[in-house]
Protein backbone atom coordinates (compact mmCIF):
# COMPACT_ATOMS: atom_id res chain seq x y z
CA MET A 1 109.89 135.01 164.25
CA LYS A 2 108.44 133.68 167.51
CA LYS A 3 107.71 137.23 168.60
CA ILE A 4 105.92 137.92 165.32
CA VAL A 5 103.73 134.82 165.69
CA ALA A 6 102.91 135.64 169.32
CA THR A 7 101.96 139.21 168.36
CA ARG A 8 99.70 138.04 165.55
CA LEU A 9 97.99 135.53 167.82
CA LEU A 10 97.32 138.22 170.43
CA GLN A 11 95.93 140.52 167.73
CA ALA A 12 93.60 137.72 166.64
CA ILE A 13 91.88 137.46 170.04
CA PRO A 14 89.75 140.66 169.81
CA LEU A 15 89.00 139.83 166.17
CA ILE A 16 87.60 136.45 167.19
CA PHE A 17 85.34 138.09 169.80
CA ILE A 18 84.07 140.53 167.16
CA ILE A 19 83.32 137.62 164.81
CA ILE A 20 81.47 135.78 167.59
CA THR A 21 79.35 138.86 168.30
CA ILE A 22 78.49 139.45 164.63
CA ASN A 23 77.58 135.79 164.09
CA PHE A 24 75.40 135.78 167.20
CA VAL A 25 73.57 138.98 166.26
CA ILE A 26 72.90 137.70 162.72
CA MET A 27 71.45 134.46 164.08
CA GLN A 28 69.30 136.39 166.54
CA LEU A 29 67.91 138.58 163.76
CA ALA A 30 67.03 135.55 161.64
CA PRO A 31 63.32 134.65 161.67
CA GLY A 32 62.11 131.98 164.09
CA ASP A 33 64.17 129.75 166.35
CA PRO A 34 64.93 126.01 166.60
CA VAL A 35 61.93 125.37 168.83
CA ASP A 36 59.53 126.85 166.26
CA PHE A 37 61.08 124.68 163.56
CA LEU A 38 60.82 121.47 165.60
CA VAL A 39 57.11 121.94 166.30
CA SER A 40 56.22 123.42 162.88
CA GLY A 41 54.77 120.11 161.67
CA LEU A 42 52.93 119.28 164.88
CA GLU A 43 49.39 120.17 165.82
CA GLY A 44 47.87 120.91 169.17
CA VAL A 45 51.12 121.92 170.91
CA PRO A 46 50.14 124.18 173.82
CA SER A 47 51.76 127.60 173.86
CA GLY A 48 52.71 127.11 177.50
CA TYR A 49 54.88 124.15 176.54
CA LEU A 50 56.67 126.22 173.89
CA ASP A 51 57.34 128.97 176.43
CA MET A 52 58.71 126.40 178.86
CA VAL A 53 61.10 124.94 176.26
CA LYS A 54 62.29 128.40 175.20
CA ALA A 55 62.88 129.32 178.83
CA LYS A 56 64.85 126.10 179.35
CA TYR A 57 67.30 126.98 176.58
CA GLY A 58 67.38 130.71 177.32
CA PHE A 59 65.55 131.92 174.21
CA ASP A 60 63.30 134.12 176.36
CA LYS A 61 66.23 136.21 177.68
CA PRO A 62 67.32 139.54 176.15
CA MET A 63 69.89 139.35 173.36
CA HIS A 64 72.79 140.75 175.41
CA GLU A 65 72.22 138.19 178.18
CA GLN A 66 72.14 135.36 175.64
CA LEU A 67 75.39 136.66 174.13
CA ILE A 68 77.11 136.71 177.52
CA ILE A 69 75.95 133.17 178.26
CA TYR A 70 77.06 132.02 174.81
CA MET A 71 80.54 133.54 175.18
CA SER A 72 80.98 132.11 178.66
CA ASN A 73 80.09 128.67 177.30
CA LEU A 74 82.61 129.09 174.47
CA LEU A 75 85.35 129.89 176.98
CA ARG A 76 84.60 126.52 178.60
CA GLY A 77 84.77 124.79 175.22
CA GLU A 78 80.99 124.35 174.90
CA PHE A 79 79.53 125.23 171.49
CA GLY A 80 75.94 124.65 172.50
CA PHE A 81 73.34 121.99 171.78
CA SER A 82 72.09 120.86 168.37
CA PHE A 83 68.31 120.73 168.44
CA TYR A 84 68.09 118.71 165.23
CA PHE A 85 70.67 116.04 166.14
CA GLN A 86 69.82 116.18 169.86
CA GLN A 87 73.46 116.15 170.93
CA PRO A 88 76.24 118.66 171.68
CA VAL A 89 77.32 120.65 168.64
CA ILE A 90 80.94 119.53 169.00
CA LYS A 91 79.95 115.90 168.34
CA THR A 92 78.22 116.96 165.13
CA MET A 93 80.92 119.36 164.00
CA ILE A 94 84.12 117.31 164.44
CA PRO A 95 83.26 114.62 161.84
CA ALA A 96 82.16 117.35 159.40
CA LEU A 97 85.38 119.30 159.98
CA ARG A 98 87.46 116.17 159.39
CA ASN A 99 85.64 115.48 156.13
CA THR A 100 86.05 119.07 154.93
CA LEU A 101 89.77 119.06 155.71
CA LEU A 102 90.10 115.82 153.74
CA LEU A 103 88.35 117.41 150.75
CA THR A 104 90.19 120.73 150.86
CA GLY A 105 93.55 119.09 151.58
CA THR A 106 93.18 116.79 148.58
CA SER A 107 92.08 119.73 146.48
CA LEU A 108 95.15 121.72 147.54
CA ILE A 109 97.48 118.89 146.50
CA ILE A 110 95.80 118.73 143.08
CA GLU A 111 96.01 122.52 142.72
CA LEU A 112 99.80 122.49 143.06
CA SER A 113 99.96 120.75 139.68
CA GLY A 114 99.29 124.22 138.27
CA ILE A 115 102.84 125.20 139.26
CA ILE A 116 104.25 122.34 137.18
CA LEU A 117 102.06 123.34 134.22
CA GLY A 118 103.25 126.94 134.56
CA ILE A 119 106.90 125.85 134.48
CA ILE A 120 106.27 123.70 131.40
CA ALA A 121 104.49 126.58 129.65
CA SER A 122 107.32 129.02 130.43
CA LYS A 123 109.93 126.51 129.27
CA LYS A 124 108.20 126.10 125.89
CA VAL A 125 106.87 129.63 125.51
CA TYR A 126 104.66 130.29 122.45
CA SER A 127 104.86 126.64 121.44
CA LEU A 128 101.85 124.38 120.87
CA THR A 129 102.16 123.10 124.45
CA ASP A 130 102.19 126.64 125.82
CA ASN A 131 99.19 127.65 123.69
CA VAL A 132 97.17 124.61 124.80
CA ILE A 133 97.94 125.27 128.49
CA THR A 134 97.20 129.00 128.16
CA VAL A 135 93.86 128.49 126.39
CA SER A 136 92.84 125.78 128.88
CA THR A 137 93.54 128.05 131.83
CA LEU A 138 91.60 130.91 130.25
CA VAL A 139 88.59 128.63 129.79
CA THR A 140 88.62 127.07 133.26
CA PHE A 141 89.69 130.06 135.35
CA ASN A 142 86.26 131.66 135.81
CA MET A 143 84.09 128.55 135.87
CA PRO A 144 81.70 128.79 138.88
CA TYR A 145 81.96 125.96 141.40
CA PHE A 146 78.27 125.08 141.37
CA TRP A 147 78.07 125.01 137.56
CA LEU A 148 81.21 122.90 137.28
CA ALA A 149 79.96 120.52 139.97
CA ILE A 150 76.65 119.98 138.18
CA LEU A 151 78.53 119.48 134.90
CA PHE A 152 80.75 116.84 136.52
CA LEU A 153 77.70 115.08 137.94
CA LEU A 154 75.98 114.92 134.58
CA ILE A 155 78.99 113.88 132.48
CA PHE A 156 81.16 111.68 134.70
CA GLY A 157 78.47 110.47 137.08
CA LEU A 158 75.19 110.00 135.24
CA HIS A 159 76.12 109.66 131.55
CA LEU A 160 79.51 107.90 131.73
CA GLY A 161 79.04 106.32 135.16
CA LEU A 162 82.76 106.57 135.92
CA PHE A 163 82.50 108.02 139.42
CA PRO A 164 79.95 108.02 142.27
CA ILE A 165 78.03 111.26 142.47
CA THR A 166 76.98 111.55 146.12
CA GLY A 167 78.22 110.69 149.58
CA MET A 168 81.66 109.99 150.97
CA TYR A 169 81.89 106.20 150.56
CA THR A 170 79.72 103.23 149.66
CA ILE A 171 77.59 102.15 152.61
CA GLY A 172 78.52 98.70 153.92
CA THR A 173 82.20 98.81 152.94
CA THR A 174 84.90 98.26 155.57
CA GLY A 175 88.68 98.25 155.83
CA MET A 176 90.69 98.86 152.65
CA GLU A 177 87.54 98.60 150.58
CA LYS A 178 86.12 101.58 152.46
CA ILE A 179 89.33 103.58 151.95
CA TYR A 180 89.29 102.80 148.22
CA SER A 181 85.62 103.78 148.02
CA MET A 182 86.34 107.03 149.85
CA MET A 183 89.16 107.88 147.42
CA TRP A 184 86.88 107.13 144.48
CA HIS A 185 84.11 109.35 145.90
CA LEU A 186 86.69 112.10 146.48
CA VAL A 187 87.77 112.43 142.84
CA LEU A 188 84.91 114.56 141.48
CA PRO A 189 84.45 117.05 144.35
CA ALA A 190 88.20 117.55 144.88
CA THR A 191 88.82 118.04 141.16
CA CYS A 192 85.88 120.41 140.89
CA LEU A 193 87.19 122.46 143.81
CA SER A 194 90.71 122.67 142.37
CA ILE A 195 90.25 123.33 138.64
CA GLY A 196 89.90 127.11 138.92
CA ARG A 197 92.94 127.37 141.18
CA ILE A 198 95.03 125.14 138.90
CA ALA A 199 94.39 127.69 136.16
CA LEU A 200 95.29 130.56 138.49
CA TYR A 201 98.55 128.99 139.69
CA THR A 202 99.49 128.06 136.11
CA ARG A 203 99.06 131.62 134.87
CA TYR A 204 100.96 133.17 137.78
CA THR A 205 103.79 130.64 137.56
CA ARG A 206 104.16 131.13 133.81
CA ALA A 207 104.17 134.93 134.08
CA SER A 208 106.59 134.93 137.01
CA MET A 209 108.95 132.45 135.35
CA LEU A 210 109.00 134.40 132.07
CA GLU A 211 109.84 137.58 133.95
CA VAL A 212 112.72 135.94 135.83
CA LEU A 213 114.08 134.13 132.75
CA LYS A 214 114.69 137.52 131.10
CA LEU A 215 117.02 138.70 133.87
CA ASP A 216 120.77 139.08 133.36
CA TYR A 217 121.86 136.44 135.86
CA ILE A 218 119.87 133.81 133.95
CA THR A 219 121.70 134.81 130.75
CA THR A 220 124.96 134.49 132.66
CA ALA A 221 123.99 131.01 133.83
CA TRP A 222 123.30 129.97 130.23
CA ALA A 223 126.68 131.42 129.20
CA LYS A 224 128.44 129.42 131.91
CA GLY A 225 126.99 126.23 130.45
CA CYS A 226 124.58 125.37 133.27
CA SER A 227 122.04 122.71 132.42
CA GLU A 228 118.46 123.65 131.62
CA ARG A 229 117.24 121.80 134.71
CA THR A 230 119.62 123.75 136.96
CA ILE A 231 118.65 127.09 135.44
CA LEU A 232 114.92 126.45 135.62
CA PHE A 233 114.66 125.02 139.13
CA ARG A 234 117.72 126.23 141.01
CA HIS A 235 117.98 129.77 139.65
CA ALA A 236 114.72 130.83 138.00
CA PHE A 237 112.02 129.03 139.98
CA ARG A 238 113.47 129.98 143.37
CA ASN A 239 113.09 133.70 142.61
CA ALA A 240 109.82 133.24 140.74
CA LEU A 241 108.36 131.51 143.79
CA ILE A 242 107.70 134.71 145.78
CA PRO A 243 104.58 135.94 143.91
CA ILE A 244 103.39 132.34 143.55
CA VAL A 245 103.52 131.80 147.31
CA THR A 246 101.63 135.06 147.81
CA VAL A 247 98.80 133.90 145.55
CA ILE A 248 98.65 130.43 147.11
CA THR A 249 98.45 131.76 150.67
CA LEU A 250 95.76 134.24 149.66
CA ARG A 251 93.72 131.51 147.97
CA LEU A 252 94.07 129.15 150.93
CA ARG A 253 91.66 131.36 152.83
CA MET A 254 88.99 130.80 150.17
CA LEU A 255 89.07 127.00 150.26
CA PHE A 256 86.09 126.81 152.62
CA THR A 257 84.05 129.20 150.47
CA GLY A 258 84.15 126.86 147.51
CA ALA A 259 83.76 123.81 149.72
CA VAL A 260 80.28 124.94 150.83
CA LEU A 261 78.98 124.85 147.25
CA VAL A 262 80.83 121.69 146.22
CA GLU A 263 79.82 119.76 149.35
CA THR A 264 76.20 120.73 148.85
CA VAL A 265 76.09 119.54 145.23
CA PHE A 266 77.96 116.28 145.87
CA ALA A 267 76.29 115.64 149.26
CA TRP A 268 79.74 115.45 150.84
CA PRO A 269 79.22 115.32 154.64
CA GLY A 270 81.47 118.24 155.51
CA MET A 271 81.10 121.62 157.18
CA GLY A 272 79.70 123.27 154.07
CA ARG A 273 76.89 120.74 153.76
CA LEU A 274 76.27 120.90 157.51
CA ILE A 275 75.92 124.69 157.39
CA TYR A 276 73.59 124.49 154.38
CA ASP A 277 71.31 121.93 156.05
CA SER A 278 71.39 123.72 159.42
CA ILE A 279 70.16 126.95 157.84
CA PHE A 280 66.93 125.25 156.76
CA ARG A 281 66.66 123.45 160.10
CA ARG A 282 67.23 126.72 161.99
CA ASP A 283 69.85 124.92 164.04
CA TYR A 284 71.60 128.18 164.84
CA ASN A 285 74.07 126.77 167.36
CA VAL A 286 75.50 124.50 164.68
CA ILE A 287 75.73 127.38 162.20
CA MET A 288 77.50 129.69 164.67
CA ALA A 289 79.95 126.98 165.72
CA ASN A 290 80.88 126.19 162.12
CA PHE A 291 81.27 129.86 161.23
CA LEU A 292 83.49 130.35 164.27
CA VAL A 293 85.73 127.39 163.39
CA ILE A 294 86.04 128.59 159.78
CA ALA A 295 86.92 132.09 161.02
CA ILE A 296 89.60 130.74 163.36
CA ILE A 297 91.08 128.57 160.61
CA THR A 298 91.11 131.59 158.29
CA ILE A 299 92.93 133.70 160.88
CA LEU A 300 95.50 130.95 161.42
CA LEU A 301 95.99 130.69 157.65
CA ASN A 302 96.61 134.45 157.53
CA ILE A 303 99.32 134.08 160.16
CA LEU A 304 100.78 131.11 158.28
CA ALA A 305 100.80 133.18 155.10
CA ASP A 306 102.81 135.92 156.83
CA ILE A 307 105.32 133.37 158.14
CA ILE A 308 105.76 131.66 154.77
CA TYR A 309 106.11 134.96 152.95
CA ALA A 310 108.75 136.19 155.40
CA TYR A 311 110.62 132.91 155.01
CA VAL A 312 110.52 132.93 151.19
CA ASP A 313 111.34 136.63 150.79
CA PRO A 314 114.19 137.71 153.13
CA ARG A 315 113.60 141.34 152.14
CA VAL A 316 110.38 141.36 154.13
CA ARG A 317 110.88 142.64 157.65
CA TYR A 318 108.11 142.91 160.24
CA GLN A 319 108.32 145.57 162.89
């Protein structure tokens, strides 16, 4: 297993360099630069001053030279300078990354409730409970994040006033009050981010459990007088878990995709919101750094998915 992980990590190195190059080229092809944005609202700025500032930050160099400088800085752990925040990108990105991980981690915990719903539906197949769960998952499965987020804002935030609609916590709170406020602010965005995946996990768990419950060894377990709890969790769920784990690990990679939309709607100060704002500010160093971190996290999740799948399914062998 250690050899497998080491091999995958080595294979990820050239992929990361390709991602860095693509991100850099895209940012270079984008119109304007941070200096143009900063002086866009000013009048009477001499062109010589603009040329001096661009030369200071290397914007006057050819693209390949800028790419070499950028990569050499990355190897030293330097992500560049944020022109909007006037500080190193790393100081801007770390708080946003922490907030995004809090949101996506909470969302992931909520999503796992779909497995429980799938087990309940398979246990009471074709009953009223099963029909309610099945119809609910069909309705919520394809709901777009941005539409669901706006719906949550209107219903639970504006009309009912049950939850705060923007930000991460109430300004001025400290200690336990701040933690409680943060949890309260987290409810709507985390739920919005997880609803579609709850439906997905419920459907896969139900289908997988129903397939396993028809097998002969389950019939034998019933004939031996095993309890329903033992049959469901010890015998059926263990073998039904393989396709479920596959789906979960595949969906883990898409957490950040949904987070961009949800964070933007709820003004959650995470990486998604930071990327969205930086695009309009033309703060390209911030955008590239965030894209790079998301790419690295995605690659690590891919490796984690391979490890988990090999652990759950002993039939899988990697050469």
